[in-house]
Amino acid sequence: MISSLEPSVDAAASETNLRQAVGRFLPSLKDAPGTWSRCPVAFTGDRLPLVGPVPGAEGIYLFSGFSNPFALMPPLARRYAHHLTGQADPLLAGVSPARFGG
């Protein structure tokens, strides 16, 4: 648990550990370009969450990147649950991980 907004973190070790852990489940991402960064809140560049299947990674789904989780999570969780039971929801395309071209 983080108890400070400025925790003591070894960035190089954290990135190595993260890449190894991700690589066990998603080998194609192990050497993906990018660098580790600490952030008390996870969000995407377009400030919209990631909700849906990860392109190219069968069976892996994201429900993450909420810059305002208390406002967005409950209605999106409900919509996504309906989507998983076969009910189409065009709103979900706007928050799909596929929007980044993956």
C-alpha atoms as a PDB file:
ATOM      1  CA  MET A   1       0.000   0.000   0.000  1.00  0.00           C
ATOM      2  CA  ILE A   2       1.275   3.444  -0.883  1.00  0.00           C
ATOM      3  CA  SER A   3       1.233   5.743   2.114  1.00  0.00           C
ATOM      4  CA  SER A   4       2.801   8.744   0.419  1.00  0.00           C
ATOM      5  CA  LEU A   5       2.432  10.535  -2.897  1.00  0.00           C
ATOM      6  CA  GLU A   6       6.224  10.403  -3.164  1.00  0.00           C
ATOM      7  CA  PRO A   7       7.075   6.806  -2.202  1.00  0.00           C
ATOM      8  CA  SER A   8      10.663   5.594  -2.431  1.00  0.00           C
ATOM      9  CA  VAL A   9      10.747   3.482  -5.587  1.00  0.00           C
ATOM     10  CA  ASP A  10      13.578   1.980  -7.628  1.00  0.00           C
ATOM     11  CA  ALA A  11      12.325   2.836 -11.136  1.00  0.00           C
ATOM     12  CA  ALA A  12      14.730   0.514 -12.986  1.00  0.00           C
ATOM     13  CA  ALA A  13      13.921  -2.482 -10.779  1.00  0.00           C
ATOM     14  CA  SER A  14      10.195  -1.746 -10.975  1.00  0.00           C
ATOM     15  CA  GLU A  15      10.267  -1.594 -14.779  1.00  0.00           C
ATOM     16  CA  THR A  16      12.231  -4.853 -14.972  1.00  0.00           C
ATOM     17  CA  ASN A  17       9.798  -6.592 -12.611  1.00  0.00           C
ATOM     18  CA  LEU A  18       6.776  -5.226 -14.458  1.00  0.00           C
ATOM     19  CA  ARG A  19       8.083  -6.308 -17.868  1.00  0.00           C
ATOM     20  CA  GLN A  20       8.884  -9.808 -16.586  1.00  0.00           C
ATOM     21  CA  ALA A  21       5.440 -10.184 -15.012  1.00  0.00           C
ATOM     22  CA  VAL A  22       3.612  -8.886 -18.081  1.00  0.00           C
ATOM     23  CA  GLY A  23       5.831 -10.996 -20.341  1.00  0.00           C
ATOM     24  CA  ARG A  24       4.666 -14.194 -18.651  1.00  0.00           C
ATOM     25  CA  PHE A  25       1.078 -13.505 -19.734  1.00  0.00           C
ATOM     26  CA  LEU A  26       1.537 -11.279 -22.787  1.00  0.00           C
ATOM     27  CA  PRO A  27       4.933 -12.079 -24.319  1.00  0.00           C
ATOM     28  CA  SER A  28       4.446  -9.585 -27.144  1.00  0.00           C
ATOM     29  CA  LEU A  29       4.369  -6.734 -24.612  1.00  0.00           C
ATOM     30  CA  LYS A  30       7.514  -7.712 -22.704  1.00  0.00           C
ATOM     31  CA  ASP A  31       9.767  -5.651 -24.977  1.00  0.00           C
ATOM     32  CA  ALA A  32       7.202  -3.041 -26.048  1.00  0.00           C
ATOM     33  CA  PRO A  33       8.567   0.485 -26.274  1.00  0.00           C
ATOM     34  CA  GLY A  34       7.918   2.653 -23.275  1.00  0.00           C
ATOM     35  CA  THR A  35       9.198   3.337 -19.823  1.00  0.00           C
ATOM     36  CA  TRP A  36       7.851   2.765 -16.365  1.00  0.00           C
ATOM     37  CA  SER A  37       6.448   5.744 -14.540  1.00  0.00           C
ATOM     38  CA  ARG A  38       4.906   5.978 -11.112  1.00  0.00           C
ATOM     39  CA  CYS A  39       1.596   7.668 -10.811  1.00  0.00           C
ATOM     40  CA  PRO A  40      -0.949   7.561  -7.985  1.00  0.00           C
ATOM     41  CA  VAL A  41      -3.754   7.458 -10.585  1.00  0.00           C
ATOM     42  CA  ALA A  42      -3.741   5.512 -13.842  1.00  0.00           C
ATOM     43  CA  PHE A  43      -5.228   7.191 -16.885  1.00  0.00           C
ATOM     44  CA  THR A  44      -4.828   7.190 -20.656  1.00  0.00           C
ATOM     45  CA  GLY A  45      -3.570   9.965 -22.895  1.00  0.00           C
ATOM     46  CA  ASP A  46      -7.085  10.807 -24.022  1.00  0.00           C
ATOM     47  CA  ARG A  47      -8.344  10.715 -20.407  1.00  0.00           C
ATOM     48  CA  LEU A  48     -10.867   7.982 -21.221  1.00  0.00           C
ATOM     49  CA  PRO A  49     -10.707   4.583 -19.523  1.00  0.00           C
ATOM     50  CA  LEU A  50      -9.762   1.291 -21.143  1.00  0.00           C
ATOM     51  CA  VAL A  51     -12.743  -1.054 -21.090  1.00  0.00           C
ATOM     52  CA  GLY A  52     -12.823  -4.215 -23.152  1.00  0.00           C
ATOM     53  CA  PRO A  53     -10.726  -6.933 -24.725  1.00  0.00           C
ATOM     54  CA  VAL A  54      -7.029  -6.354 -25.365  1.00  0.00           C
ATOM     55  CA  PRO A  55      -6.404  -6.626 -29.127  1.00  0.00           C
ATOM     56  CA  GLY A  56      -4.250  -9.639 -29.940  1.00  0.00           C
ATOM     57  CA  ALA A  57      -4.505 -11.105 -26.433  1.00  0.00           C
ATOM     58  CA  GLU A  58      -7.402 -13.533 -26.397  1.00  0.00           C
ATOM     59  CA  GLY A  59      -9.141 -13.755 -23.033  1.00  0.00           C
ATOM     60  CA  ILE A  60      -7.497 -10.623 -21.580  1.00  0.00           C
ATOM     61  CA  TYR A  61      -9.811  -7.727 -20.740  1.00  0.00           C
ATOM     62  CA  LEU A  62      -9.113  -4.311 -19.259  1.00  0.00           C
ATOM     63  CA  PHE A  63     -11.245  -2.219 -16.951  1.00  0.00           C
ATOM     64  CA  SER A  64      -8.716   0.433 -16.037  1.00  0.00           C
ATOM     65  CA  GLY A  65      -7.451   3.954 -16.616  1.00  0.00           C
ATOM     66  CA  PHE A  66     -10.226   5.807 -14.842  1.00  0.00           C
ATOM     67  CA  SER A  67      -9.152   9.364 -14.100  1.00  0.00           C
ATOM     68  CA  ASN A  68     -12.405   9.798 -12.175  1.00  0.00           C
ATOM     69  CA  PRO A  69     -13.310   6.294 -10.980  1.00  0.00           C
ATOM     70  CA  PHE A  70     -16.191   7.173  -8.702  1.00  0.00           C
ATOM     71  CA  ALA A  71     -18.135   8.879 -11.483  1.00  0.00           C
ATOM     72  CA  LEU A  72     -17.343   6.494 -14.332  1.00  0.00           C
ATOM     73  CA  MET A  73     -16.908   2.994 -12.936  1.00  0.00           C
ATOM     74  CA  PRO A  74     -20.457   2.160 -11.817  1.00  0.00           C
ATOM     75  CA  PRO A  75     -22.240   3.065 -15.077  1.00  0.00           C
ATOM     76  CA  LEU A  76     -19.486   1.565 -17.239  1.00  0.00           C
ATOM     77  CA  ALA A  77     -19.434  -1.623 -15.166  1.00  0.00           C
ATOM     78  CA  ARG A  78     -23.170  -1.997 -15.709  1.00  0.00           C
ATOM     79  CA  ARG A  79     -22.864  -1.318 -19.456  1.00  0.00           C
ATOM     80  CA  TYR A  80     -19.935  -3.723 -19.801  1.00  0.00           C
ATOM     81  CA  ALA A  81     -21.752  -6.460 -17.891  1.00  0.00           C
ATOM     82  CA  HIS A  82     -24.672  -6.088 -20.316  1.00  0.00           C
ATOM     83  CA  HIS A  83     -22.226  -6.145 -23.250  1.00  0.00           C
ATOM     84  CA  LEU A  84     -20.691  -9.404 -22.004  1.00  0.00           C
ATOM     85  CA  THR A  85     -24.135 -10.991 -22.005  1.00  0.00           C
ATOM     86  CA  GLY A  86     -24.610 -10.120 -25.676  1.00  0.00           C
ATOM     87  CA  GLN A  87     -26.300  -6.725 -25.517  1.00  0.00           C
ATOM     88  CA  ALA A  88     -24.689  -4.284 -27.949  1.00  0.00           C
ATOM     89  CA  ASP A  89     -23.621  -0.910 -26.572  1.00  0.00           C
ATOM     90  CA  PRO A  90     -22.107   1.591 -29.033  1.00  0.00           C
ATOM     91  CA  LEU A  91     -20.750   3.725 -26.179  1.00  0.00           C
ATOM     92  CA  LEU A  92     -18.197   1.032 -25.339  1.00  0.00           C
ATOM     93  CA  ALA A  93     -16.376   1.495 -28.675  1.00  0.00           C
ATOM     94  CA  GLY A  94     -15.199   4.880 -27.397  1.00  0.00           C
ATOM     95  CA  VAL A  95     -13.441   3.312 -24.411  1.00  0.00           C
ATOM     96  CA  SER A  96     -12.195   0.137 -26.094  1.00  0.00           C
ATOM     97  CA  PRO A  97      -8.444  -0.544 -25.916  1.00  0.00           C
ATOM     98  CA  ALA A  98      -8.663  -1.074 -29.705  1.00  0.00           C
ATOM     99  CA  ARG A  99      -9.107   2.683 -30.196  1.00  0.00           C
ATOM    100  CA  PHE A 100      -5.335   3.019 -29.899  1.00  0.00           C
ATOM    101  CA  GLY A 101      -4.814   0.805 -32.934  1.00  0.00           C
ATOM    102  CA  GLY A 102      -3.612  -2.303 -31.103  1.00  0.00           C
END
